Amino acid sequence: MEINQNMVKLKQDFQTKEAAIRAAGQLLVDNGHVDSSYVEAMLDRENEVTTYMGNFIAIPHGTDEAKTGIHSTGISVLQIPFGVDFSDDPNEEKMAMVVFGIAGVNNEHLDLLSKIAIFCSTLDNVVKLVNAENEAEIMTLLNSVEAA
């Protein structure tokens, strides 16, 4: 999983999950991985089924129909120290402190999902991402997943 510095944003603050998803998607757009239509497909996916994965992470990605808007596989990372709630139920809280926006060519997103899920299945790893002081720390942590 290759993460580069311009795909990582630290100390972000969002009031809604939609704003966080749009920001994660915009990084994919700005770096040439997807068309802007893919961001809307990320929101559509969230409306179909939550992309909140537990352990304070969410992994928004587009619908299957949006694959035509993907130019190259990419992953964006938003660190949200105070979290953003991914729940639609006011009696439930699904706080995401790290949001990964992903897009994959030829189902490469499945590999990305798997690597993120394995890394973030350990809460200590999520805490390291949330506490990272610079983009290089996040890149080092996540780029090491491939070697694991």
C-alpha atoms as a PDB file:
ATOM      1  CA  MET A   1       0.000   0.000   0.000  1.00  0.00           C
ATOM      2  CA  GLU A   2       1.887   3.051  -1.211  1.00  0.00           C
ATOM      3  CA  ILE A   3       0.859   6.275   0.510  1.00  0.00           C
ATOM      4  CA  ASN A   4       2.330   9.585  -0.573  1.00  0.00           C
ATOM      5  CA  GLN A   5       2.454  12.811   1.391  1.00  0.00           C
ATOM      6  CA  ASN A   6      -0.005  14.824  -0.703  1.00  0.00           C
ATOM      7  CA  MET A   7      -2.675  12.170   0.007  1.00  0.00           C
ATOM      8  CA  VAL A   8      -2.472  12.642   3.794  1.00  0.00           C
ATOM      9  CA  LYS A   9      -4.168  15.443   5.738  1.00  0.00           C
ATOM     10  CA  LEU A  10      -3.562  15.860   9.466  1.00  0.00           C
ATOM     11  CA  LYS A  11      -5.601  17.490  12.207  1.00  0.00           C
ATOM     12  CA  GLN A  12      -8.794  17.700  10.180  1.00  0.00           C
ATOM     13  CA  ASP A  13     -12.143  18.675  11.671  1.00  0.00           C
ATOM     14  CA  PHE A  14     -15.500  17.752  10.127  1.00  0.00           C
ATOM     15  CA  GLN A  15     -19.005  18.216  11.477  1.00  0.00           C
ATOM     16  CA  THR A  16     -20.551  15.510   9.271  1.00  0.00           C
ATOM     17  CA  LYS A  17     -19.524  12.239   7.699  1.00  0.00           C
ATOM     18  CA  GLU A  18     -20.531  13.664   4.315  1.00  0.00           C
ATOM     19  CA  ALA A  19     -17.973  16.454   4.677  1.00  0.00           C
ATOM     20  CA  ALA A  20     -15.274  13.937   5.635  1.00  0.00           C
ATOM     21  CA  ILE A  21     -16.150  11.672   2.696  1.00  0.00           C
ATOM     22  CA  ARG A  22     -16.078  14.633   0.294  1.00  0.00           C
ATOM     23  CA  ALA A  23     -12.641  15.669   1.614  1.00  0.00           C
ATOM     24  CA  ALA A  24     -11.258  12.134   1.270  1.00  0.00           C
ATOM     25  CA  GLY A  25     -12.675  11.904  -2.243  1.00  0.00           C
ATOM     26  CA  GLN A  26     -11.377  15.327  -3.240  1.00  0.00           C
ATOM     27  CA  LEU A  27      -7.833  14.221  -2.427  1.00  0.00           C
ATOM     28  CA  LEU A  28      -8.333  11.331  -4.865  1.00  0.00           C
ATOM     29  CA  VAL A  29      -9.621  13.793  -7.491  1.00  0.00           C
ATOM     30  CA  ASP A  30      -6.854  16.346  -6.907  1.00  0.00           C
ATOM     31  CA  ASN A  31      -4.195  13.672  -7.348  1.00  0.00           C
ATOM     32  CA  GLY A  32      -5.655  12.344 -10.584  1.00  0.00           C
ATOM     33  CA  HIS A  33      -6.892   8.987  -9.314  1.00  0.00           C
ATOM     34  CA  VAL A  34     -10.597   9.570 -10.011  1.00  0.00           C
ATOM     35  CA  ASP A  35     -13.105  11.826 -11.748  1.00  0.00           C
ATOM     36  CA  SER A  36     -15.149  14.177  -9.570  1.00  0.00           C
ATOM     37  CA  SER A  37     -18.184  11.929 -10.163  1.00  0.00           C
ATOM     38  CA  TYR A  38     -16.479   9.312  -8.012  1.00  0.00           C
ATOM     39  CA  VAL A  39     -16.906  11.508  -4.921  1.00  0.00           C
ATOM     40  CA  GLU A  40     -20.687  11.421  -5.384  1.00  0.00           C
ATOM     41  CA  ALA A  41     -20.465   7.645  -5.756  1.00  0.00           C
ATOM     42  CA  MET A  42     -18.617   7.502  -2.420  1.00  0.00           C
ATOM     43  CA  LEU A  43     -21.573   9.308  -0.824  1.00  0.00           C
ATOM     44  CA  ASP A  44     -24.000   6.959  -2.603  1.00  0.00           C
ATOM     45  CA  ARG A  45     -22.106   3.957  -1.177  1.00  0.00           C
ATOM     46  CA  GLU A  46     -22.340   5.442   2.320  1.00  0.00           C
ATOM     47  CA  ASN A  47     -26.103   5.842   1.882  1.00  0.00           C
ATOM     48  CA  GLU A  48     -26.387   2.165   0.862  1.00  0.00           C
ATOM     49  CA  VAL A  49     -24.219   0.761   3.642  1.00  0.00           C
ATOM     50  CA  THR A  50     -21.968   2.407   6.180  1.00  0.00           C
ATOM     51  CA  THR A  51     -18.254   2.428   5.479  1.00  0.00           C
ATOM     52  CA  TYR A  52     -17.524   2.700   9.192  1.00  0.00           C
ATOM     53  CA  MET A  53     -15.403  -0.334  10.056  1.00  0.00           C
ATOM     54  CA  GLY A  54     -15.106  -0.074  13.838  1.00  0.00           C
ATOM     55  CA  ASN A  55     -11.927   0.750  15.786  1.00  0.00           C
ATOM     56  CA  PHE A  56     -12.433   4.444  14.956  1.00  0.00           C
ATOM     57  CA  ILE A  57     -11.901   4.072  11.206  1.00  0.00           C
ATOM     58  CA  ALA A  58     -14.035   4.505   8.083  1.00  0.00           C
ATOM     59  CA  ILE A  59     -13.118   3.498   4.549  1.00  0.00           C
ATOM     60  CA  PRO A  60     -15.383   5.308   2.083  1.00  0.00           C
ATOM     61  CA  HIS A  61     -15.194   4.133  -1.503  1.00  0.00           C
ATOM     62  CA  GLY A  62     -17.372   4.383  -4.586  1.00  0.00           C
ATOM     63  CA  THR A  63     -20.112   2.113  -5.846  1.00  0.00           C
ATOM     64  CA  ASP A  64     -19.464  -0.590  -8.424  1.00  0.00           C
ATOM     65  CA  GLU A  65     -21.085   1.620 -11.061  1.00  0.00           C
ATOM     66  CA  ALA A  66     -18.451   4.303 -10.409  1.00  0.00           C
ATOM     67  CA  LYS A  67     -15.517   2.157 -11.538  1.00  0.00           C
ATOM     68  CA  THR A  68     -15.464   3.944 -14.901  1.00  0.00           C
ATOM     69  CA  GLY A  69     -14.448   7.124 -13.045  1.00  0.00           C
ATOM     70  CA  ILE A  70     -11.282   5.529 -11.636  1.00  0.00           C
ATOM     71  CA  HIS A  71      -8.033   6.331 -13.472  1.00  0.00           C
ATOM     72  CA  SER A  72      -5.574   4.712 -11.064  1.00  0.00           C
ATOM     73  CA  THR A  73      -5.559   3.044  -7.675  1.00  0.00           C
ATOM     74  CA  GLY A  74      -5.227   5.526  -4.834  1.00  0.00           C
ATOM     75  CA  ILE A  75      -5.747   5.981  -1.138  1.00  0.00           C
ATOM     76  CA  SER A  76      -6.242   9.166   0.856  1.00  0.00           C
ATOM     77  CA  VAL A  77      -5.888   9.446   4.622  1.00  0.00           C
ATOM     78  CA  LEU A  78      -7.601  11.975   6.866  1.00  0.00           C
ATOM     79  CA  GLN A  79      -6.580  12.188  10.505  1.00  0.00           C
ATOM     80  CA  ILE A  80      -9.515  13.574  12.533  1.00  0.00           C
ATOM     81  CA  PRO A  81      -8.346  13.815  16.169  1.00  0.00           C
ATOM     82  CA  PHE A  82     -11.773  14.768  17.550  1.00  0.00           C
ATOM     83  CA  GLY A  83     -13.557  12.317  15.260  1.00  0.00           C
ATOM     84  CA  VAL A  84     -16.615  12.512  13.070  1.00  0.00           C
ATOM     85  CA  ASP A  85     -19.728  10.432  13.702  1.00  0.00           C
ATOM     86  CA  PHE A  86     -20.564   7.966  10.908  1.00  0.00           C
ATOM     87  CA  SER A  87     -23.831   6.875  12.532  1.00  0.00           C
ATOM     88  CA  ASP A  88     -27.258   7.825  11.214  1.00  0.00           C
ATOM     89  CA  ASP A  89     -28.862   6.875  14.516  1.00  0.00           C
ATOM     90  CA  PRO A  90     -28.760   9.609  17.194  1.00  0.00           C
ATOM     91  CA  ASN A  91     -28.687   6.877  19.873  1.00  0.00           C
ATOM     92  CA  GLU A  92     -25.597   5.249  18.400  1.00  0.00           C
ATOM     93  CA  GLU A  93     -22.097   6.568  17.901  1.00  0.00           C
ATOM     94  CA  LYS A  94     -19.680   5.402  15.202  1.00  0.00           C
ATOM     95  CA  MET A  95     -16.794   7.781  15.730  1.00  0.00           C
ATOM     96  CA  ALA A  96     -14.146   7.743  12.989  1.00  0.00           C
ATOM     97  CA  MET A  97     -10.813   9.344  13.809  1.00  0.00           C
ATOM     98  CA  VAL A  98      -9.105   8.120  10.646  1.00  0.00           C
ATOM     99  CA  VAL A  99     -10.861   8.113   7.274  1.00  0.00           C
ATOM    100  CA  PHE A 100      -9.319   6.304   4.321  1.00  0.00           C
ATOM    101  CA  GLY A 101     -10.700   7.212   0.890  1.00  0.00           C
ATOM    102  CA  ILE A 102      -9.952   4.484  -1.610  1.00  0.00           C
ATOM    103  CA  ALA A 103     -10.324   3.818  -5.310  1.00  0.00           C
ATOM    104  CA  GLY A 104      -9.026   0.722  -7.038  1.00  0.00           C
ATOM    105  CA  VAL A 105      -8.586  -0.281 -10.658  1.00  0.00           C
ATOM    106  CA  ASN A 106      -9.579  -3.886 -11.444  1.00  0.00           C
ATOM    107  CA  ASN A 107     -10.704  -4.660  -7.891  1.00  0.00           C
ATOM    108  CA  GLU A 108      -7.375  -3.493  -6.423  1.00  0.00           C
ATOM    109  CA  HIS A 109      -9.492  -1.732  -3.801  1.00  0.00           C
ATOM    110  CA  LEU A 110     -10.203  -5.144  -2.259  1.00  0.00           C
ATOM    111  CA  ASP A 111      -6.492  -5.532  -1.559  1.00  0.00           C
ATOM    112  CA  LEU A 112      -6.387  -2.017  -0.059  1.00  0.00           C
ATOM    113  CA  LEU A 113      -9.433  -2.755   2.108  1.00  0.00           C
ATOM    114  CA  SER A 114      -7.830  -5.942   3.367  1.00  0.00           C
ATOM    115  CA  LYS A 115      -4.510  -4.297   4.250  1.00  0.00           C
ATOM    116  CA  ILE A 116      -6.186  -1.377   6.018  1.00  0.00           C
ATOM    117  CA  ALA A 117      -8.495  -3.717   7.926  1.00  0.00           C
ATOM    118  CA  ILE A 118      -5.597  -5.909   9.070  1.00  0.00           C
ATOM    119  CA  PHE A 119      -3.493  -2.926  10.158  1.00  0.00           C
ATOM    120  CA  CYS A 120      -6.379  -1.204  11.933  1.00  0.00           C
ATOM    121  CA  SER A 121      -7.681  -4.358  13.606  1.00  0.00           C
ATOM    122  CA  THR A 122      -5.124  -3.559  16.312  1.00  0.00           C
ATOM    123  CA  LEU A 123      -6.329  -0.516  18.226  1.00  0.00           C
ATOM    124  CA  ASP A 124      -2.730   0.433  19.067  1.00  0.00           C
ATOM    125  CA  ASN A 125      -2.094   0.956  15.334  1.00  0.00           C
ATOM    126  CA  VAL A 126      -5.118   3.244  15.043  1.00  0.00           C
ATOM    127  CA  VAL A 127      -3.898   5.227  18.061  1.00  0.00           C
ATOM    128  CA  LYS A 128      -0.514   5.667  16.323  1.00  0.00           C
ATOM    129  CA  LEU A 129      -2.283   7.073  13.249  1.00  0.00           C
ATOM    130  CA  VAL A 130      -4.435   9.426  15.341  1.00  0.00           C
ATOM    131  CA  ASN A 131      -1.411  10.639  17.327  1.00  0.00           C
ATOM    132  CA  ALA A 132       0.932  11.041  14.347  1.00  0.00           C
ATOM    133  CA  GLU A 133       2.511  14.494  14.292  1.00  0.00           C
ATOM    134  CA  ASN A 134       3.359  14.604  10.593  1.00  0.00           C
ATOM    135  CA  GLU A 135       2.532  12.988   7.266  1.00  0.00           C
ATOM    136  CA  ALA A 136       5.802  11.034   7.268  1.00  0.00           C
ATOM    137  CA  GLU A 137       4.746   9.133  10.405  1.00  0.00           C
ATOM    138  CA  ILE A 138       1.487   8.066   8.794  1.00  0.00           C
ATOM    139  CA  MET A 139       3.240   7.131   5.561  1.00  0.00           C
ATOM    140  CA  THR A 140       5.797   5.033   7.440  1.00  0.00           C
ATOM    141  CA  LEU A 141       3.104   3.216   9.425  1.00  0.00           C
ATOM    142  CA  LEU A 142       0.899   2.471   6.446  1.00  0.00           C
ATOM    143  CA  ASN A 143       3.628   1.775   3.901  1.00  0.00           C
ATOM    144  CA  SER A 144       4.958  -0.897   6.266  1.00  0.00           C
ATOM    145  CA  VAL A 145       1.725  -2.872   5.880  1.00  0.00           C
ATOM    146  CA  GLU A 146       2.891  -4.294   2.543  1.00  0.00           C
ATOM    147  CA  ALA A 147       5.917  -5.882   4.186  1.00  0.00           C
ATOM    148  CA  ALA A 148       3.857  -7.433   6.985  1.00  0.00           C
END
